[in-house]
Amino acid sequence: MNNLNALVSIVSRDDDTIIVQGPVTIYNVVRLTQDGIALFDDHQLMIDLDKVTEVDSTIISMLLEWLRATRKNTYPLQFINMPESLKSLIQLYDVVELISIPVNQTTNQRVA
């Protein structure tokens, strides 16, 4: 990749939305996980994954860690705008009960 911006990953907050941008892979998942947790508070939060450009299976561990970090809050995290590749991983690892795929974004394809 020649575009350096394509390699940059950040987690930021806009009101009650946590925005994840860029790739989420083994190379940056620990930092992104910690950066996200640092933005959590006692309010209901949405995690917007629309700007995620690349994933590997480590994104599952990040989302599960974020769910654990907010378990003590009365408001659950809500994941929105999931890329198809993430939805496939959630189904592949059979963690749909833990990481809900938004109803309006459910894919009809089942990963074998």
C-alpha atoms as a PDB file:
ATOM      1  CA  MET A   1       0.000   0.000   0.000  1.00  0.00           C
ATOM      2  CA  ASN A   2       1.332   3.378  -0.917  1.00  0.00           C
ATOM      3  CA  ASN A   3      -1.212   5.367   1.050  1.00  0.00           C
ATOM      4  CA  LEU A   4       0.015   5.732   4.641  1.00  0.00           C
ATOM      5  CA  ASN A   5      -3.460   6.786   5.801  1.00  0.00           C
ATOM      6  CA  ALA A   6      -4.764   3.354   4.829  1.00  0.00           C
ATOM      7  CA  LEU A   7      -2.467   1.872   7.483  1.00  0.00           C
ATOM      8  CA  VAL A   8      -3.499   4.220  10.305  1.00  0.00           C
ATOM      9  CA  SER A   9      -6.084   2.943  12.755  1.00  0.00           C
ATOM     10  CA  ILE A  10      -7.797   5.051  15.373  1.00  0.00           C
ATOM     11  CA  VAL A  11     -10.604   4.838  17.880  1.00  0.00           C
ATOM     12  CA  SER A  12     -12.373   8.108  18.619  1.00  0.00           C
ATOM     13  CA  ARG A  13     -15.556   9.285  20.270  1.00  0.00           C
ATOM     14  CA  ASP A  14     -18.303  11.562  18.977  1.00  0.00           C
ATOM     15  CA  ASP A  15     -20.985  12.047  21.657  1.00  0.00           C
ATOM     16  CA  ASP A  16     -22.244   8.525  22.455  1.00  0.00           C
ATOM     17  CA  THR A  17     -20.608   6.873  19.456  1.00  0.00           C
ATOM     18  CA  ILE A  18     -17.207   5.216  19.426  1.00  0.00           C
ATOM     19  CA  ILE A  19     -15.825   5.258  15.889  1.00  0.00           C
ATOM     20  CA  VAL A  20     -13.269   2.690  14.756  1.00  0.00           C
ATOM     21  CA  GLN A  21     -11.308   3.629  11.635  1.00  0.00           C
ATOM     22  CA  GLY A  22      -8.774   1.701   9.588  1.00  0.00           C
ATOM     23  CA  PRO A  23      -7.573  -1.891   9.847  1.00  0.00           C
ATOM     24  CA  VAL A  24      -8.074  -3.963  12.995  1.00  0.00           C
ATOM     25  CA  THR A  25      -5.505  -6.747  12.896  1.00  0.00           C
ATOM     26  CA  ILE A  26      -3.029  -8.566  15.077  1.00  0.00           C
ATOM     27  CA  TYR A  27      -0.619  -5.671  14.540  1.00  0.00           C
ATOM     28  CA  ASN A  28      -2.733  -3.057  16.312  1.00  0.00           C
ATOM     29  CA  VAL A  29      -5.572  -4.774  18.162  1.00  0.00           C
ATOM     30  CA  VAL A  30      -4.055  -4.383  21.649  1.00  0.00           C
ATOM     31  CA  ARG A  31      -3.644  -0.619  21.245  1.00  0.00           C
ATOM     32  CA  LEU A  32      -7.102  -0.218  19.708  1.00  0.00           C
ATOM     33  CA  THR A  33      -8.672  -2.257  22.513  1.00  0.00           C
ATOM     34  CA  GLN A  34      -7.027  -0.069  25.159  1.00  0.00           C
ATOM     35  CA  ASP A  35      -7.860   3.151  23.293  1.00  0.00           C
ATOM     36  CA  GLY A  36     -11.506   2.137  23.099  1.00  0.00           C
ATOM     37  CA  ILE A  37     -11.782   1.230  26.781  1.00  0.00           C
ATOM     38  CA  ALA A  38     -10.302   4.614  27.688  1.00  0.00           C
ATOM     39  CA  LEU A  39     -13.301   6.258  25.962  1.00  0.00           C
ATOM     40  CA  PHE A  40     -16.001   4.288  27.803  1.00  0.00           C
ATOM     41  CA  ASP A  41     -18.189   5.797  30.516  1.00  0.00           C
ATOM     42  CA  ASP A  42     -21.534   5.071  32.198  1.00  0.00           C
ATOM     43  CA  HIS A  43     -23.636   5.933  29.144  1.00  0.00           C
ATOM     44  CA  GLN A  44     -25.030   3.726  26.429  1.00  0.00           C
ATOM     45  CA  LEU A  45     -22.536   3.672  23.595  1.00  0.00           C
ATOM     46  CA  MET A  46     -22.711   2.677  19.973  1.00  0.00           C
ATOM     47  CA  ILE A  47     -19.618   1.245  18.322  1.00  0.00           C
ATOM     48  CA  ASP A  48     -19.579   2.379  14.694  1.00  0.00           C
ATOM     49  CA  LEU A  49     -17.518  -0.004  12.567  1.00  0.00           C
ATOM     50  CA  ASP A  50     -18.351   1.550   9.197  1.00  0.00           C
ATOM     51  CA  LYS A  51     -14.826   2.893   8.654  1.00  0.00           C
ATOM     52  CA  VAL A  52     -13.038  -0.369   9.452  1.00  0.00           C
ATOM     53  CA  THR A  53     -11.046  -1.225   6.334  1.00  0.00           C
ATOM     54  CA  GLU A  54      -9.569  -4.641   7.172  1.00  0.00           C
ATOM     55  CA  VAL A  55     -10.088  -7.261   9.864  1.00  0.00           C
ATOM     56  CA  ASP A  56      -8.645 -10.520  11.027  1.00  0.00           C
ATOM     57  CA  SER A  57      -9.896 -12.788  13.806  1.00  0.00           C
ATOM     58  CA  THR A  58      -8.343 -10.588  16.507  1.00  0.00           C
ATOM     59  CA  ILE A  59     -11.191  -8.098  16.115  1.00  0.00           C
ATOM     60  CA  ILE A  60     -13.417 -10.661  17.842  1.00  0.00           C
ATOM     61  CA  SER A  61     -11.208 -10.516  20.945  1.00  0.00           C
ATOM     62  CA  MET A  62     -11.335  -6.702  20.890  1.00  0.00           C
ATOM     63  CA  LEU A  63     -15.125  -6.605  20.756  1.00  0.00           C
ATOM     64  CA  LEU A  64     -15.433  -9.235  23.491  1.00  0.00           C
ATOM     65  CA  GLU A  65     -12.986  -7.302  25.692  1.00  0.00           C
ATOM     66  CA  TRP A  66     -15.011  -4.139  25.157  1.00  0.00           C
ATOM     67  CA  LEU A  67     -18.175  -6.000  26.161  1.00  0.00           C
ATOM     68  CA  ARG A  68     -16.429  -7.256  29.317  1.00  0.00           C
ATOM     69  CA  ALA A  69     -15.209  -3.755  30.144  1.00  0.00           C
ATOM     70  CA  THR A  70     -18.767  -2.389  30.029  1.00  0.00           C
ATOM     71  CA  ARG A  71     -20.463  -5.324  31.721  1.00  0.00           C
ATOM     72  CA  LYS A  72     -20.721  -3.403  35.002  1.00  0.00           C
ATOM     73  CA  ASN A  73     -22.679  -0.616  33.282  1.00  0.00           C
ATOM     74  CA  THR A  74     -26.426  -0.861  32.981  1.00  0.00           C
ATOM     75  CA  TYR A  75     -26.162   0.108  29.309  1.00  0.00           C
ATOM     76  CA  PRO A  76     -24.844  -2.457  26.836  1.00  0.00           C
ATOM     77  CA  LEU A  77     -22.670  -1.633  23.863  1.00  0.00           C
ATOM     78  CA  GLN A  78     -24.400  -1.597  20.520  1.00  0.00           C
ATOM     79  CA  PHE A  79     -22.371  -2.464  17.427  1.00  0.00           C
ATOM     80  CA  ILE A  80     -23.471  -0.770  14.209  1.00  0.00           C
ATOM     81  CA  ASN A  81     -22.340  -0.698  10.578  1.00  0.00           C
ATOM     82  CA  MET A  82     -20.433  -3.959  10.711  1.00  0.00           C
ATOM     83  CA  PRO A  83     -18.423  -4.840   7.623  1.00  0.00           C
ATOM     84  CA  GLU A  84     -19.423  -8.110   5.960  1.00  0.00           C
ATOM     85  CA  SER A  85     -16.036  -9.613   6.826  1.00  0.00           C
ATOM     86  CA  LEU A  86     -16.692  -9.039  10.540  1.00  0.00           C
ATOM     87  CA  LYS A  87     -20.192 -10.501  10.343  1.00  0.00           C
ATOM     88  CA  SER A  88     -18.696 -13.585   8.706  1.00  0.00           C
ATOM     89  CA  LEU A  89     -16.110 -13.947  11.492  1.00  0.00           C
ATOM     90  CA  ILE A  90     -18.795 -13.590  14.182  1.00  0.00           C
ATOM     91  CA  GLN A  91     -20.760 -16.395  12.541  1.00  0.00           C
ATOM     92  CA  LEU A  92     -17.667 -18.515  11.897  1.00  0.00           C
ATOM     93  CA  TYR A  93     -16.611 -18.377  15.549  1.00  0.00           C
ATOM     94  CA  ASP A  94     -20.231 -18.865  16.667  1.00  0.00           C
ATOM     95  CA  VAL A  95     -20.281 -15.810  18.940  1.00  0.00           C
ATOM     96  CA  VAL A  96     -23.505 -14.304  17.599  1.00  0.00           C
ATOM     97  CA  GLU A  97     -25.055 -14.638  21.055  1.00  0.00           C
ATOM     98  CA  LEU A  98     -22.227 -12.541  22.513  1.00  0.00           C
ATOM     99  CA  ILE A  99     -21.664 -10.077  19.670  1.00  0.00           C
ATOM    100  CA  SER A 100     -25.025  -9.373  18.109  1.00  0.00           C
ATOM    101  CA  ILE A 101     -25.169  -8.655  14.431  1.00  0.00           C
ATOM    102  CA  PRO A 102     -27.556  -5.720  14.020  1.00  0.00           C
ATOM    103  CA  VAL A 103     -30.960  -6.921  12.807  1.00  0.00           C
ATOM    104  CA  ASN A 104     -31.040  -4.450   9.931  1.00  0.00           C
ATOM    105  CA  GLN A 105     -27.628  -5.702   8.820  1.00  0.00           C
ATOM    106  CA  THR A 106     -28.094  -9.460   9.102  1.00  0.00           C
ATOM    107  CA  THR A 107     -26.611 -11.337   6.192  1.00  0.00           C
ATOM    108  CA  ASN A 108     -28.441 -14.272   4.660  1.00  0.00           C
ATOM    109  CA  GLN A 109     -25.183 -16.029   3.975  1.00  0.00           C
ATOM    110  CA  ARG A 110     -24.057 -18.574   6.519  1.00  0.00           C
ATOM    111  CA  VAL A 111     -20.357 -19.258   6.878  1.00  0.00           C
ATOM    112  CA  ALA A 112     -19.635 -22.973   6.657  1.00  0.00           C
END
